[in-house]
Amino acid sequence: MSKEIQTKQMTTGSGFVAALDQSGGSTPKALKLYGVEEDAYGNETEMFDLIHQMRARIIKSPAFTGDSIVGAILFEQTMDREIDGTPTAQYLWETRGVVPFLKIDKGLADEKDGVRLMKPMPDLDALLARAVQAGIFGTKMRSVIDAASPGGIAAIVSQQFEVARKVLAHGLVPIIEPEVTISIADKAEAEDLLRDEIARHLDALPEDVQVMLKLTLPETPNQYAPLVDHPRVMRVVALSGGYSRDEANARLAQNRGIIASFSRALTEGLSADQSDEAFDRTLAETIESIRSASVAG
């Protein structure tokens, strides 16, 4: 029954997906933006302890509920930890009404043909099995497009859908994230290639499955409307990609049927030394601004 309720929430829920999945490489930057300098921890274990404290503080904040946040993407270590004695994914769903997802990629390979593919994931099946046991609804994997390269973009989308099929085989819903770098000169051209390549792969999926897409906010409003409307797509979400929260919200509001899945833009303005009152107020204002932009399109 939970899976049916979660599917309905992810398909039609009014809100956005919170990205709380900073990995080892991006955690120091996330902590620094939160006001925690690198001299505050002596090793990786202490660093992950601090980022978990930050994530738990966000998740436990009064505004962080399924009323505005339909889902949240977790880092593997976050899934393996607890909040107030309850496993994180279970806490998210049972206490906050937020559908849990898991980041499964292991980072990016070196650039080739204008793109950065995902590194190999040799333990993927074991991780997916653990995710099912933990009550995870779906997964997310990220690769990056740095140029409007037909061959590179074809390779990125092919890899994403190859992994997505493995995720689907475990009964999980994959979020496919081929991020287009916002600073490239041929971003619009890359987005044309990406849209058409994704559509081709969607058409080849079995009729009884759905995936989600996580895409960079496009140069042309409603660029991805054909993907939003595709029957194999449960939901399209947008990453902030380095845009400020205000710009990301403005771009998002121009795109029908797409909701946010912001990371840095979600935590913008939060600080470790804020009082709980100030922290909760800032986060509530942020959540409302992103929710409003998500439902405006």
C-alpha atoms as a PDB file:
ATOM      1  CA  MET A   1       0.000   0.000   0.000  1.00  0.00           C
ATOM      2  CA  SER A   2       2.844   2.414   0.834  1.00  0.00           C
ATOM      3  CA  LYS A   3       4.305   1.921  -2.666  1.00  0.00           C
ATOM      4  CA  GLU A   4       0.973   2.859  -4.245  1.00  0.00           C
ATOM      5  CA  ILE A   5       0.637   5.953  -2.060  1.00  0.00           C
ATOM      6  CA  GLN A   6       4.238   6.945  -2.775  1.00  0.00           C
ATOM      7  CA  THR A   7       3.720   6.459  -6.515  1.00  0.00           C
ATOM      8  CA  LYS A   8       0.672   8.709  -6.438  1.00  0.00           C
ATOM      9  CA  GLN A   9       2.583  11.350  -4.464  1.00  0.00           C
ATOM     10  CA  MET A  10       5.493  11.303  -6.905  1.00  0.00           C
ATOM     11  CA  THR A  11       3.150  11.427  -9.902  1.00  0.00           C
ATOM     12  CA  THR A  12       0.721  14.140  -8.838  1.00  0.00           C
ATOM     13  CA  GLY A  13       1.958  15.596  -5.530  1.00  0.00           C
ATOM     14  CA  SER A  14       2.168  19.372  -5.271  1.00  0.00           C
ATOM     15  CA  GLY A  15       5.708  20.225  -4.219  1.00  0.00           C
ATOM     16  CA  PHE A  16       9.312  19.411  -5.098  1.00  0.00           C
ATOM     17  CA  VAL A  17      12.125  16.924  -4.486  1.00  0.00           C
ATOM     18  CA  ALA A  18      14.819  17.898  -1.990  1.00  0.00           C
ATOM     19  CA  ALA A  19      18.349  16.845  -2.990  1.00  0.00           C
ATOM     20  CA  LEU A  20      20.230  15.911   0.198  1.00  0.00           C
ATOM     21  CA  ASP A  21      22.732  13.650  -1.537  1.00  0.00           C
ATOM     22  CA  GLN A  22      26.068  15.446  -1.425  1.00  0.00           C
ATOM     23  CA  SER A  23      28.762  12.760  -1.675  1.00  0.00           C
ATOM     24  CA  GLY A  24      32.324  12.677  -0.396  1.00  0.00           C
ATOM     25  CA  GLY A  25      33.592  15.013  -3.102  1.00  0.00           C
ATOM     26  CA  SER A  26      30.938  17.700  -2.639  1.00  0.00           C
ATOM     27  CA  THR A  27      30.462  17.460   1.140  1.00  0.00           C
ATOM     28  CA  PRO A  28      33.326  19.841   2.126  1.00  0.00           C
ATOM     29  CA  LYS A  29      31.834  22.580  -0.077  1.00  0.00           C
ATOM     30  CA  ALA A  30      28.332  21.953   1.290  1.00  0.00           C
ATOM     31  CA  LEU A  31      29.631  22.157   4.859  1.00  0.00           C
ATOM     32  CA  LYS A  32      31.581  25.336   4.116  1.00  0.00           C
ATOM     33  CA  LEU A  33      28.456  26.994   2.731  1.00  0.00           C
ATOM     34  CA  TYR A  34      26.744  25.904   5.951  1.00  0.00           C
ATOM     35  CA  GLY A  35      29.461  27.665   7.958  1.00  0.00           C
ATOM     36  CA  VAL A  36      31.526  24.603   8.884  1.00  0.00           C
ATOM     37  CA  GLU A  37      35.159  25.014   7.830  1.00  0.00           C
ATOM     38  CA  GLU A  38      37.457  22.102   6.995  1.00  0.00           C
ATOM     39  CA  ASP A  39      39.394  22.522  10.238  1.00  0.00           C
ATOM     40  CA  ALA A  40      36.220  21.520  12.121  1.00  0.00           C
ATOM     41  CA  TYR A  41      36.793  17.851  11.242  1.00  0.00           C
ATOM     42  CA  GLY A  42      39.907  15.722  11.215  1.00  0.00           C
ATOM     43  CA  ASN A  43      38.887  12.860   8.944  1.00  0.00           C
ATOM     44  CA  GLU A  44      36.171  11.623   6.601  1.00  0.00           C
ATOM     45  CA  THR A  45      34.174   9.982   9.399  1.00  0.00           C
ATOM     46  CA  GLU A  46      33.926  13.253  11.308  1.00  0.00           C
ATOM     47  CA  MET A  47      33.037  15.069   8.068  1.00  0.00           C
ATOM     48  CA  PHE A  48      30.153  12.684   7.357  1.00  0.00           C
ATOM     49  CA  ASP A  49      29.001  12.971  10.973  1.00  0.00           C
ATOM     50  CA  LEU A  50      28.704  16.742  10.509  1.00  0.00           C
ATOM     51  CA  ILE A  51      26.873  16.550   7.178  1.00  0.00           C
ATOM     52  CA  HIS A  52      24.439  14.042   8.680  1.00  0.00           C
ATOM     53  CA  GLN A  53      23.756  16.477  11.523  1.00  0.00           C
ATOM     54  CA  MET A  54      23.006  19.155   8.930  1.00  0.00           C
ATOM     55  CA  ARG A  55      20.697  16.868   6.939  1.00  0.00           C
ATOM     56  CA  ALA A  56      18.903  15.678  10.063  1.00  0.00           C
ATOM     57  CA  ARG A  57      18.359  19.278  11.139  1.00  0.00           C
ATOM     58  CA  ILE A  58      16.827  20.055   7.742  1.00  0.00           C
ATOM     59  CA  ILE A  59      14.616  16.960   7.708  1.00  0.00           C
ATOM     60  CA  LYS A  60      13.351  17.568  11.259  1.00  0.00           C
ATOM     61  CA  SER A  61      12.517  21.217  10.576  1.00  0.00           C
ATOM     62  CA  PRO A  62       8.744  21.861  10.773  1.00  0.00           C
ATOM     63  CA  ALA A  63       8.423  22.975   7.129  1.00  0.00           C
ATOM     64  CA  PHE A  64      10.108  19.837   5.763  1.00  0.00           C
ATOM     65  CA  THR A  65       6.991  17.729   5.143  1.00  0.00           C
ATOM     66  CA  GLY A  66       5.188  16.033   2.291  1.00  0.00           C
ATOM     67  CA  ASP A  67       2.897  19.046   1.995  1.00  0.00           C
ATOM     68  CA  SER A  68       5.675  20.877   0.135  1.00  0.00           C
ATOM     69  CA  ILE A  69       8.366  18.246  -0.419  1.00  0.00           C
ATOM     70  CA  VAL A  70       7.162  15.168  -2.257  1.00  0.00           C
ATOM     71  CA  GLY A  71      10.506  13.359  -2.162  1.00  0.00           C
ATOM     72  CA  ALA A  72      14.097  13.571  -0.934  1.00  0.00           C
ATOM     73  CA  ILE A  73      17.285  12.116  -2.413  1.00  0.00           C
ATOM     74  CA  LEU A  74      19.719  10.621   0.108  1.00  0.00           C
ATOM     75  CA  PHE A  75      23.422   9.782  -0.003  1.00  0.00           C
ATOM     76  CA  GLU A  76      24.219   6.119   0.746  1.00  0.00           C
ATOM     77  CA  GLN A  77      25.678   6.918   4.166  1.00  0.00           C
ATOM     78  CA  THR A  78      22.547   8.902   5.014  1.00  0.00           C
ATOM     79  CA  MET A  79      20.382   5.889   4.178  1.00  0.00           C
ATOM     80  CA  ASP A  80      22.556   3.772   6.480  1.00  0.00           C
ATOM     81  CA  ARG A  81      22.208   6.203   9.397  1.00  0.00           C
ATOM     82  CA  GLU A  82      19.348   7.061  11.733  1.00  0.00           C
ATOM     83  CA  ILE A  83      17.425  10.134  12.808  1.00  0.00           C
ATOM     84  CA  ASP A  84      16.258   9.987  16.429  1.00  0.00           C
ATOM     85  CA  GLY A  85      16.777   6.232  16.456  1.00  0.00           C
ATOM     86  CA  THR A  86      14.845   5.558  13.237  1.00  0.00           C
ATOM     87  CA  PRO A  87      16.506   4.635   9.905  1.00  0.00           C
ATOM     88  CA  THR A  88      16.577   7.769   7.752  1.00  0.00           C
ATOM     89  CA  ALA A  89      14.406   6.508   4.874  1.00  0.00           C
ATOM     90  CA  GLN A  90      11.808   5.183   7.306  1.00  0.00           C
ATOM     91  CA  TYR A  91      11.876   8.457   9.249  1.00  0.00           C
ATOM     92  CA  LEU A  92      11.372  10.463   6.058  1.00  0.00           C
ATOM     93  CA  TRP A  93       8.270   8.562   5.007  1.00  0.00           C
ATOM     94  CA  GLU A  94       6.646   7.681   8.324  1.00  0.00           C
ATOM     95  CA  THR A  95       7.394  10.916  10.211  1.00  0.00           C
ATOM     96  CA  ARG A  96       7.615  13.568   7.476  1.00  0.00           C
ATOM     97  CA  GLY A  97       5.526  12.067   4.655  1.00  0.00           C
ATOM     98  CA  VAL A  98       8.417  12.459   2.192  1.00  0.00           C
ATOM     99  CA  VAL A  99       9.243   9.730  -0.352  1.00  0.00           C
ATOM    100  CA  PRO A 100      12.885   8.536  -0.028  1.00  0.00           C
ATOM    101  CA  PHE A 101      15.278   8.156  -2.966  1.00  0.00           C
ATOM    102  CA  LEU A 102      18.935   7.058  -3.022  1.00  0.00           C
ATOM    103  CA  LYS A 103      21.893   8.404  -5.026  1.00  0.00           C
ATOM    104  CA  ILE A 104      23.580   5.328  -6.502  1.00  0.00           C
ATOM    105  CA  ASP A 105      26.315   6.592  -8.827  1.00  0.00           C
ATOM    106  CA  LYS A 106      29.967   6.510  -7.778  1.00  0.00           C
ATOM    107  CA  GLY A 107      30.961   9.796  -9.362  1.00  0.00           C
ATOM    108  CA  LEU A 108      32.123  10.856 -12.805  1.00  0.00           C
ATOM    109  CA  ALA A 109      34.706   9.436 -15.193  1.00  0.00           C
ATOM    110  CA  ASP A 110      37.121  11.764 -16.983  1.00  0.00           C
ATOM    111  CA  GLU A 111      35.741  13.904 -19.819  1.00  0.00           C
ATOM    112  CA  LYS A 112      35.544  12.207 -23.210  1.00  0.00           C
ATOM    113  CA  ASP A 113      33.792  13.452 -26.350  1.00  0.00           C
ATOM    114  CA  GLY A 114      32.323  16.416 -24.472  1.00  0.00           C
ATOM    115  CA  VAL A 115      30.728  14.415 -21.653  1.00  0.00           C
ATOM    116  CA  ARG A 116      31.543  12.817 -18.319  1.00  0.00           C
ATOM    117  CA  LEU A 117      30.016   9.372 -17.987  1.00  0.00           C
ATOM    118  CA  MET A 118      29.375   7.660 -14.671  1.00  0.00           C
ATOM    119  CA  LYS A 119      32.146   5.553 -13.175  1.00  0.00           C
ATOM    120  CA  PRO A 120      31.569   1.787 -13.053  1.00  0.00           C
ATOM    121  CA  MET A 121      29.207   0.541 -10.330  1.00  0.00           C
ATOM    122  CA  PRO A 122      30.397  -3.033  -9.635  1.00  0.00           C
ATOM    123  CA  ASP A 123      28.322  -3.428  -6.470  1.00  0.00           C
ATOM    124  CA  LEU A 124      25.114  -1.967  -7.904  1.00  0.00           C
ATOM    125  CA  ASP A 125      22.888  -5.006  -7.417  1.00  0.00           C
ATOM    126  CA  ALA A 126      23.897  -5.351  -3.766  1.00  0.00           C
ATOM    127  CA  LEU A 127      23.263  -1.637  -3.176  1.00  0.00           C
ATOM    128  CA  LEU A 128      19.852  -1.821  -4.846  1.00  0.00           C
ATOM    129  CA  ALA A 129      18.918  -4.812  -2.705  1.00  0.00           C
ATOM    130  CA  ARG A 130      19.886  -2.860   0.428  1.00  0.00           C
ATOM    131  CA  ALA A 131      17.861   0.087  -0.796  1.00  0.00           C
ATOM    132  CA  VAL A 132      14.766  -2.075  -1.160  1.00  0.00           C
ATOM    133  CA  GLN A 133      15.280  -3.397   2.366  1.00  0.00           C
ATOM    134  CA  ALA A 134      15.628   0.162   3.692  1.00  0.00           C
ATOM    135  CA  GLY A 135      12.312   1.244   2.185  1.00  0.00           C
ATOM    136  CA  ILE A 136      13.768   3.343  -0.647  1.00  0.00           C
ATOM    137  CA  PHE A 137      11.296   4.174  -3.442  1.00  0.00           C
ATOM    138  CA  GLY A 138      13.718   5.107  -6.207  1.00  0.00           C
ATOM    139  CA  THR A 139      17.268   6.013  -7.159  1.00  0.00           C
ATOM    140  CA  LYS A 140      19.227   8.799  -8.806  1.00  0.00           C
ATOM    141  CA  MET A 141      22.372   8.738 -10.924  1.00  0.00           C
ATOM    142  CA  ARG A 142      24.175  11.729 -12.412  1.00  0.00           C
ATOM    143  CA  SER A 143      26.375  12.236 -15.459  1.00  0.00           C
ATOM    144  CA  VAL A 144      27.412  15.522 -17.085  1.00  0.00           C
ATOM    145  CA  ILE A 145      27.254  17.047 -20.568  1.00  0.00           C
ATOM    146  CA  ASP A 146      29.884  19.708 -21.302  1.00  0.00           C
ATOM    147  CA  ALA A 147      29.308  20.177 -25.048  1.00  0.00           C
ATOM    148  CA  ALA A 148      26.676  19.671 -27.739  1.00  0.00           C
ATOM    149  CA  SER A 149      28.355  16.474 -28.858  1.00  0.00           C
ATOM    150  CA  PRO A 150      25.968  14.057 -30.627  1.00  0.00           C
ATOM    151  CA  GLY A 151      28.156  11.042 -29.907  1.00  0.00           C
ATOM    152  CA  GLY A 152      28.861  12.013 -26.318  1.00  0.00           C
ATOM    153  CA  ILE A 153      25.217  12.740 -25.517  1.00  0.00           C
ATOM    154  CA  ALA A 154      24.143   9.463 -27.124  1.00  0.00           C
ATOM    155  CA  ALA A 155      26.670   7.646 -24.916  1.00  0.00           C
ATOM    156  CA  ILE A 156      25.467   9.436 -21.768  1.00  0.00           C
ATOM    157  CA  VAL A 157      21.804   8.661 -22.368  1.00  0.00           C
ATOM    158  CA  SER A 158      22.547   5.053 -23.328  1.00  0.00           C
ATOM    159  CA  GLN A 159      24.490   4.524 -20.092  1.00  0.00           C
ATOM    160  CA  GLN A 160      21.776   6.161 -18.013  1.00  0.00           C
ATOM    161  CA  PHE A 161      19.057   3.928 -19.445  1.00  0.00           C
ATOM    162  CA  GLU A 162      21.237   0.831 -19.101  1.00  0.00           C
ATOM    163  CA  VAL A 163      21.518   1.490 -15.365  1.00  0.00           C
ATOM    164  CA  ALA A 164      17.848   2.491 -15.185  1.00  0.00           C
ATOM    165  CA  ARG A 165      16.804  -0.945 -16.440  1.00  0.00           C
ATOM    166  CA  LYS A 166      18.785  -2.582 -13.626  1.00  0.00           C
ATOM    167  CA  VAL A 167      17.085  -0.280 -11.127  1.00  0.00           C
ATOM    168  CA  LEU A 168      13.648  -1.105 -12.534  1.00  0.00           C
ATOM    169  CA  ALA A 169      14.420  -4.826 -12.220  1.00  0.00           C
ATOM    170  CA  HIS A 170      14.632  -4.321  -8.437  1.00  0.00           C
ATOM    171  CA  GLY A 171      11.218  -2.657  -8.347  1.00  0.00           C
ATOM    172  CA  LEU A 172      12.664   0.826  -7.838  1.00  0.00           C
ATOM    173  CA  VAL A 173      12.007   3.986  -9.858  1.00  0.00           C
ATOM    174  CA  PRO A 174      15.176   5.487 -11.396  1.00  0.00           C
ATOM    175  CA  ILE A 175      15.767   9.225 -11.657  1.00  0.00           C
ATOM    176  CA  ILE A 176      17.868   9.682 -14.793  1.00  0.00           C
ATOM    177  CA  GLU A 177      20.092  12.776 -14.477  1.00  0.00           C
ATOM    178  CA  PRO A 178      22.173  13.799 -17.510  1.00  0.00           C
ATOM    179  CA  GLU A 179      23.104  17.303 -16.306  1.00  0.00           C
ATOM    180  CA  VAL A 180      23.928  19.954 -18.901  1.00  0.00           C
ATOM    181  CA  THR A 181      26.579  22.357 -17.580  1.00  0.00           C
ATOM    182  CA  ILE A 182      24.957  25.801 -17.400  1.00  0.00           C
ATOM    183  CA  SER A 183      28.063  27.734 -18.525  1.00  0.00           C
ATOM    184  CA  ILE A 184      28.695  26.072 -21.899  1.00  0.00           C
ATOM    185  CA  ALA A 185      28.274  28.201 -25.019  1.00  0.00           C
ATOM    186  CA  ASP A 186      26.221  25.572 -26.881  1.00  0.00           C
ATOM    187  CA  LYS A 187      23.841  24.736 -24.032  1.00  0.00           C
ATOM    188  CA  ALA A 188      20.680  25.160 -26.147  1.00  0.00           C
ATOM    189  CA  GLU A 189      22.044  22.879 -28.858  1.00  0.00           C
ATOM    190  CA  ALA A 190      23.013  20.279 -26.251  1.00  0.00           C
ATOM    191  CA  GLU A 191      19.486  20.409 -24.859  1.00  0.00           C
ATOM    192  CA  ASP A 192      17.986  19.736 -28.283  1.00  0.00           C
ATOM    193  CA  LEU A 193      20.188  16.679 -28.707  1.00  0.00           C
ATOM    194  CA  LEU A 194      19.451  15.501 -25.168  1.00  0.00           C
ATOM    195  CA  ARG A 195      15.679  15.836 -25.505  1.00  0.00           C
ATOM    196  CA  ASP A 196      15.579  13.806 -28.706  1.00  0.00           C
ATOM    197  CA  GLU A 197      17.956  11.123 -27.425  1.00  0.00           C
ATOM    198  CA  ILE A 198      15.987  10.655 -24.197  1.00  0.00           C
ATOM    199  CA  ALA A 199      12.721  10.427 -26.145  1.00  0.00           C
ATOM    200  CA  ARG A 200      14.178   7.689 -28.317  1.00  0.00           C
ATOM    201  CA  HIS A 201      15.150   5.610 -25.279  1.00  0.00           C
ATOM    202  CA  LEU A 202      11.827   6.234 -23.548  1.00  0.00           C
ATOM    203  CA  ASP A 203      10.004   4.896 -26.590  1.00  0.00           C
ATOM    204  CA  ALA A 204      11.968   1.642 -26.253  1.00  0.00           C
ATOM    205  CA  LEU A 205      10.969   1.008 -22.619  1.00  0.00           C
ATOM    206  CA  PRO A 206       8.299  -1.574 -21.782  1.00  0.00           C
ATOM    207  CA  GLU A 207       4.813  -0.126 -21.445  1.00  0.00           C
ATOM    208  CA  ASP A 208       4.455  -1.185 -17.803  1.00  0.00           C
ATOM    209  CA  VAL A 209       7.371   0.834 -16.382  1.00  0.00           C
ATOM    210  CA  GLN A 210       8.062   4.497 -15.668  1.00  0.00           C
ATOM    211  CA  VAL A 211      11.205   6.489 -14.950  1.00  0.00           C
ATOM    212  CA  MET A 212      11.822   9.994 -13.691  1.00  0.00           C
ATOM    213  CA  LEU A 213      14.093  12.572 -15.306  1.00  0.00           C
ATOM    214  CA  LYS A 214      16.262  15.190 -13.582  1.00  0.00           C
ATOM    215  CA  LEU A 215      17.322  17.858 -16.064  1.00  0.00           C
ATOM    216  CA  THR A 216      19.118  21.190 -16.093  1.00  0.00           C
ATOM    217  CA  LEU A 217      16.756  24.162 -16.390  1.00  0.00           C
ATOM    218  CA  PRO A 218      16.659  24.783 -20.159  1.00  0.00           C
ATOM    219  CA  GLU A 219      17.386  27.868 -22.241  1.00  0.00           C
ATOM    220  CA  THR A 220      14.044  27.553 -24.026  1.00  0.00           C
ATOM    221  CA  PRO A 221      10.943  27.386 -21.796  1.00  0.00           C
ATOM    222  CA  ASN A 222       9.079  24.074 -22.158  1.00  0.00           C
ATOM    223  CA  GLN A 223      12.017  22.569 -24.026  1.00  0.00           C
ATOM    224  CA  TYR A 224      11.255  19.271 -22.340  1.00  0.00           C
ATOM    225  CA  ALA A 225       7.443  19.319 -22.702  1.00  0.00           C
ATOM    226  CA  PRO A 226       7.479  16.168 -24.897  1.00  0.00           C
ATOM    227  CA  LEU A 227       9.280  14.341 -22.082  1.00  0.00           C
ATOM    228  CA  VAL A 228       6.913  15.692 -19.411  1.00  0.00           C
ATOM    229  CA  ASP A 229       4.017  14.284 -21.452  1.00  0.00           C
ATOM    230  CA  HIS A 230       5.637  10.945 -22.276  1.00  0.00           C
ATOM    231  CA  PRO A 231       3.719   7.956 -20.825  1.00  0.00           C
ATOM    232  CA  ARG A 232       6.956   6.304 -19.620  1.00  0.00           C
ATOM    233  CA  VAL A 233       7.800   9.353 -17.454  1.00  0.00           C
ATOM    234  CA  MET A 234       6.464   9.571 -13.908  1.00  0.00           C
ATOM    235  CA  ARG A 235       7.829  13.076 -13.266  1.00  0.00           C
ATOM    236  CA  VAL A 236      10.397  15.517 -14.585  1.00  0.00           C
ATOM    237  CA  VAL A 237      12.390  17.418 -11.969  1.00  0.00           C
ATOM    238  CA  ALA A 238      14.965  20.180 -12.448  1.00  0.00           C
ATOM    239  CA  LEU A 239      18.355  20.695 -10.837  1.00  0.00           C
ATOM    240  CA  SER A 240      19.513  24.197  -9.935  1.00  0.00           C
ATOM    241  CA  GLY A 241      22.905  23.532 -11.542  1.00  0.00           C
ATOM    242  CA  GLY A 242      24.688  26.546 -10.079  1.00  0.00           C
ATOM    243  CA  TYR A 243      21.956  29.104 -10.696  1.00  0.00           C
ATOM    244  CA  SER A 244      21.047  31.201  -7.671  1.00  0.00           C
ATOM    245  CA  ARG A 245      17.796  30.201  -6.011  1.00  0.00           C
ATOM    246  CA  ASP A 246      16.014  33.262  -7.395  1.00  0.00           C
ATOM    247  CA  GLU A 247      17.133  32.587 -10.967  1.00  0.00           C
ATOM    248  CA  ALA A 248      16.458  28.866 -10.643  1.00  0.00           C
ATOM    249  CA  ASN A 249      12.937  29.564  -9.361  1.00  0.00           C
ATOM    250  CA  ALA A 250      12.296  32.064 -12.179  1.00  0.00           C
ATOM    251  CA  ARG A 251      13.437  29.598 -14.845  1.00  0.00           C
ATOM    252  CA  LEU A 252      11.502  26.757 -13.236  1.00  0.00           C
ATOM    253  CA  ALA A 253       8.244  28.712 -13.203  1.00  0.00           C
ATOM    254  CA  GLN A 254       8.485  29.044 -17.008  1.00  0.00           C
ATOM    255  CA  ASN A 255       8.432  25.274 -17.560  1.00  0.00           C
ATOM    256  CA  ARG A 256       5.090  23.503 -17.417  1.00  0.00           C
ATOM    257  CA  GLY A 257       4.947  20.245 -15.507  1.00  0.00           C
ATOM    258  CA  ILE A 258       8.501  20.371 -14.124  1.00  0.00           C
ATOM    259  CA  ILE A 259       9.190  20.557 -10.389  1.00  0.00           C
ATOM    260  CA  ALA A 260      12.395  21.406  -8.560  1.00  0.00           C
ATOM    261  CA  SER A 261      15.022  19.056  -7.215  1.00  0.00           C
ATOM    262  CA  PHE A 262      17.444  21.565  -5.761  1.00  0.00           C
ATOM    263  CA  SER A 263      20.483  20.936  -3.561  1.00  0.00           C
ATOM    264  CA  ARG A 264      22.612  24.040  -3.061  1.00  0.00           C
ATOM    265  CA  ALA A 265      19.641  26.327  -3.756  1.00  0.00           C
ATOM    266  CA  LEU A 266      17.707  24.517  -1.011  1.00  0.00           C
ATOM    267  CA  THR A 267      20.350  25.082   1.659  1.00  0.00           C
ATOM    268  CA  GLU A 268      21.215  28.646   0.586  1.00  0.00           C
ATOM    269  CA  GLY A 269      21.039  30.925   3.632  1.00  0.00           C
ATOM    270  CA  LEU A 270      21.242  28.140   6.235  1.00  0.00           C
ATOM    271  CA  SER A 271      24.050  28.207   8.788  1.00  0.00           C
ATOM    272  CA  ALA A 272      25.265  25.913  11.549  1.00  0.00           C
ATOM    273  CA  ASP A 273      25.357  28.788  14.040  1.00  0.00           C
ATOM    274  CA  GLN A 274      21.769  29.924  13.425  1.00  0.00           C
ATOM    275  CA  SER A 275      19.307  29.524  16.274  1.00  0.00           C
ATOM    276  CA  ASP A 276      16.679  26.855  15.651  1.00  0.00           C
ATOM    277  CA  GLU A 277      14.117  29.614  15.230  1.00  0.00           C
ATOM    278  CA  ALA A 278      16.172  31.445  12.593  1.00  0.00           C
ATOM    279  CA  PHE A 279      17.118  28.194  10.844  1.00  0.00           C
ATOM    280  CA  ASP A 280      13.519  26.997  10.678  1.00  0.00           C
ATOM    281  CA  ARG A 281      12.268  30.385   9.471  1.00  0.00           C
ATOM    282  CA  THR A 282      14.883  30.605   6.703  1.00  0.00           C
ATOM    283  CA  LEU A 283      14.243  27.038   5.567  1.00  0.00           C
ATOM    284  CA  ALA A 284      10.462  27.552   5.607  1.00  0.00           C
ATOM    285  CA  GLU A 285      10.791  30.639   3.381  1.00  0.00           C
ATOM    286  CA  THR A 286      13.102  28.749   1.013  1.00  0.00           C
ATOM    287  CA  ILE A 287      10.786  25.745   0.820  1.00  0.00           C
ATOM    288  CA  GLU A 288       7.787  27.942   0.085  1.00  0.00           C
ATOM    289  CA  SER A 289       9.618  29.828  -2.682  1.00  0.00           C
ATOM    290  CA  ILE A 290      10.718  26.593  -4.377  1.00  0.00           C
ATOM    291  CA  ARG A 291       7.287  24.995  -3.946  1.00  0.00           C
ATOM    292  CA  SER A 292       5.611  28.043  -5.476  1.00  0.00           C
ATOM    293  CA  ALA A 293       7.926  27.955  -8.491  1.00  0.00           C
ATOM    294  CA  SER A 294       7.358  24.205  -8.855  1.00  0.00           C
ATOM    295  CA  VAL A 295       3.585  24.523  -9.037  1.00  0.00           C
ATOM    296  CA  ALA A 296       3.640  27.680 -11.203  1.00  0.00           C
ATOM    297  CA  GLY A 297       4.732  25.920 -14.378  1.00  0.00           C
END
